[in-house]
């Protein structure tokens, strides 16, 4: 699980983005994404994959994209 933040007071940005991989009940892997404004309830999206490697690939791509967009790592 990782937690990313993007804070820019001038642009009123106070966001979080979290990624987590875990097995589901059907023998697949679930990549869960949570995002929203820090301190508020956010949104959730779940993608399922047949292999851990596929889930890990999207996990790494999303992490890389968020860091490029100005998010910083809070928890790894």
C-alpha atoms as a PDB file:
ATOM      1  CA  UNK A   1       0.000   0.000   0.000  1.00  0.00           C
ATOM      2  CA  UNK A   2       1.148   3.502  -0.769  1.00  0.00           C
ATOM      3  CA  UNK A   3      -0.252   6.902   0.130  1.00  0.00           C
ATOM      4  CA  UNK A   4       0.472   9.986  -1.951  1.00  0.00           C
ATOM      5  CA  UNK A   5      -0.404  13.617  -1.240  1.00  0.00           C
ATOM      6  CA  UNK A   6      -0.556  16.703  -3.425  1.00  0.00           C
ATOM      7  CA  UNK A   7      -0.634  19.962  -1.505  1.00  0.00           C
ATOM      8  CA  UNK A   8      -0.517  23.372  -3.178  1.00  0.00           C
ATOM      9  CA  UNK A   9      -2.071  26.156  -1.102  1.00  0.00           C
ATOM     10  CA  UNK A  10      -1.977  28.683  -3.956  1.00  0.00           C
ATOM     11  CA  UNK A  11      -4.096  26.396  -6.158  1.00  0.00           C
ATOM     12  CA  UNK A  12      -6.225  25.171  -3.222  1.00  0.00           C
ATOM     13  CA  UNK A  13      -5.065  21.586  -3.817  1.00  0.00           C
ATOM     14  CA  UNK A  14      -5.114  19.297  -0.807  1.00  0.00           C
ATOM     15  CA  UNK A  15      -5.478  15.797  -2.297  1.00  0.00           C
ATOM     16  CA  UNK A  16      -4.642  12.212  -1.446  1.00  0.00           C
ATOM     17  CA  UNK A  17      -4.282   9.120  -3.633  1.00  0.00           C
ATOM     18  CA  UNK A  18      -3.848   5.626  -2.241  1.00  0.00           C
ATOM     19  CA  UNK A  19      -3.098   2.316  -3.979  1.00  0.00           C
ATOM     20  CA  UNK A  20      -3.428  -1.138  -2.463  1.00  0.00           C
ATOM     21  CA  UNK A  21      -3.246  -4.677  -3.905  1.00  0.00           C
ATOM     22  CA  UNK A  22      -4.857  -7.671  -2.229  1.00  0.00           C
ATOM     23  CA  UNK A  23      -6.261 -11.083  -3.224  1.00  0.00           C
ATOM     24  CA  UNK A  24     -10.011 -11.297  -3.716  1.00  0.00           C
ATOM     25  CA  UNK A  25     -12.377 -14.135  -2.820  1.00  0.00           C
ATOM     26  CA  UNK A  26     -12.336 -15.576  -6.363  1.00  0.00           C
ATOM     27  CA  UNK A  27      -8.598 -16.265  -6.691  1.00  0.00           C
ATOM     28  CA  UNK A  28      -7.832 -13.032  -8.500  1.00  0.00           C
ATOM     29  CA  UNK A  29      -5.998  -9.876  -7.456  1.00  0.00           C
ATOM     30  CA  UNK A  30      -7.698  -6.566  -6.710  1.00  0.00           C
ATOM     31  CA  UNK A  31      -6.016  -3.185  -7.158  1.00  0.00           C
ATOM     32  CA  UNK A  32      -7.897  -0.680  -5.037  1.00  0.00           C
ATOM     33  CA  UNK A  33      -7.545   3.040  -5.646  1.00  0.00           C
ATOM     34  CA  UNK A  34      -8.798   5.627  -3.182  1.00  0.00           C
ATOM     35  CA  UNK A  35      -8.646   9.359  -3.905  1.00  0.00           C
ATOM     36  CA  UNK A  36     -10.116  12.632  -2.786  1.00  0.00           C
ATOM     37  CA  UNK A  37      -9.548  15.738  -0.719  1.00  0.00           C
ATOM     38  CA  UNK A  38      -7.555  15.238   2.486  1.00  0.00           C
ATOM     39  CA  UNK A  39      -9.924  15.060   5.455  1.00  0.00           C
ATOM     40  CA  UNK A  40     -12.975  14.194   3.329  1.00  0.00           C
ATOM     41  CA  UNK A  41     -14.531  10.966   2.103  1.00  0.00           C
ATOM     42  CA  UNK A  42     -13.221  10.140  -1.330  1.00  0.00           C
ATOM     43  CA  UNK A  43     -13.874   7.738  -4.130  1.00  0.00           C
ATOM     44  CA  UNK A  44     -12.916   4.111  -4.666  1.00  0.00           C
ATOM     45  CA  UNK A  45     -12.202   2.152  -7.825  1.00  0.00           C
ATOM     46  CA  UNK A  46     -11.347  -1.557  -7.877  1.00  0.00           C
ATOM     47  CA  UNK A  47      -9.681  -3.291 -10.839  1.00  0.00           C
ATOM     48  CA  UNK A  48      -9.292  -7.071 -10.839  1.00  0.00           C
ATOM     49  CA  UNK A  49      -6.525  -9.084 -12.478  1.00  0.00           C
ATOM     50  CA  UNK A  50      -5.800 -12.766 -12.927  1.00  0.00           C
ATOM     51  CA  UNK A  51      -2.154 -12.410 -11.882  1.00  0.00           C
ATOM     52  CA  UNK A  52      -0.316 -10.409  -9.264  1.00  0.00           C
ATOM     53  CA  UNK A  53       2.149  -9.251 -11.934  1.00  0.00           C
ATOM     54  CA  UNK A  54      -0.627  -7.552 -13.942  1.00  0.00           C
ATOM     55  CA  UNK A  55      -1.914  -5.770 -10.848  1.00  0.00           C
ATOM     56  CA  UNK A  56       1.621  -4.720  -9.880  1.00  0.00           C
ATOM     57  CA  UNK A  57       2.245  -3.296 -13.366  1.00  0.00           C
ATOM     58  CA  UNK A  58      -0.777  -0.975 -13.169  1.00  0.00           C
ATOM     59  CA  UNK A  59       0.125  -0.121  -9.559  1.00  0.00           C
ATOM     60  CA  UNK A  60       3.602   0.997 -10.655  1.00  0.00           C
ATOM     61  CA  UNK A  61       2.279   2.922 -13.685  1.00  0.00           C
ATOM     62  CA  UNK A  62      -0.282   4.804 -11.597  1.00  0.00           C
ATOM     63  CA  UNK A  63       2.297   5.621  -8.910  1.00  0.00           C
ATOM     64  CA  UNK A  64       4.718   6.930 -11.527  1.00  0.00           C
ATOM     65  CA  UNK A  65       2.025   9.096 -13.192  1.00  0.00           C
ATOM     66  CA  UNK A  66       0.897  10.623  -9.903  1.00  0.00           C
ATOM     67  CA  UNK A  67       4.470  11.501  -8.913  1.00  0.00           C
ATOM     68  CA  UNK A  68       4.948  13.165 -12.324  1.00  0.00           C
ATOM     69  CA  UNK A  69       1.831  15.236 -11.618  1.00  0.00           C
ATOM     70  CA  UNK A  70       3.238  16.596  -8.358  1.00  0.00           C
ATOM     71  CA  UNK A  71       2.139  14.051  -5.760  1.00  0.00           C
ATOM     72  CA  UNK A  72       4.678  13.038  -3.131  1.00  0.00           C
ATOM     73  CA  UNK A  73       5.031   9.772  -1.243  1.00  0.00           C
ATOM     74  CA  UNK A  74       3.724   9.886   2.340  1.00  0.00           C
ATOM     75  CA  UNK A  75       3.685   6.156   3.140  1.00  0.00           C
ATOM     76  CA  UNK A  76       5.182   3.221   1.284  1.00  0.00           C
END
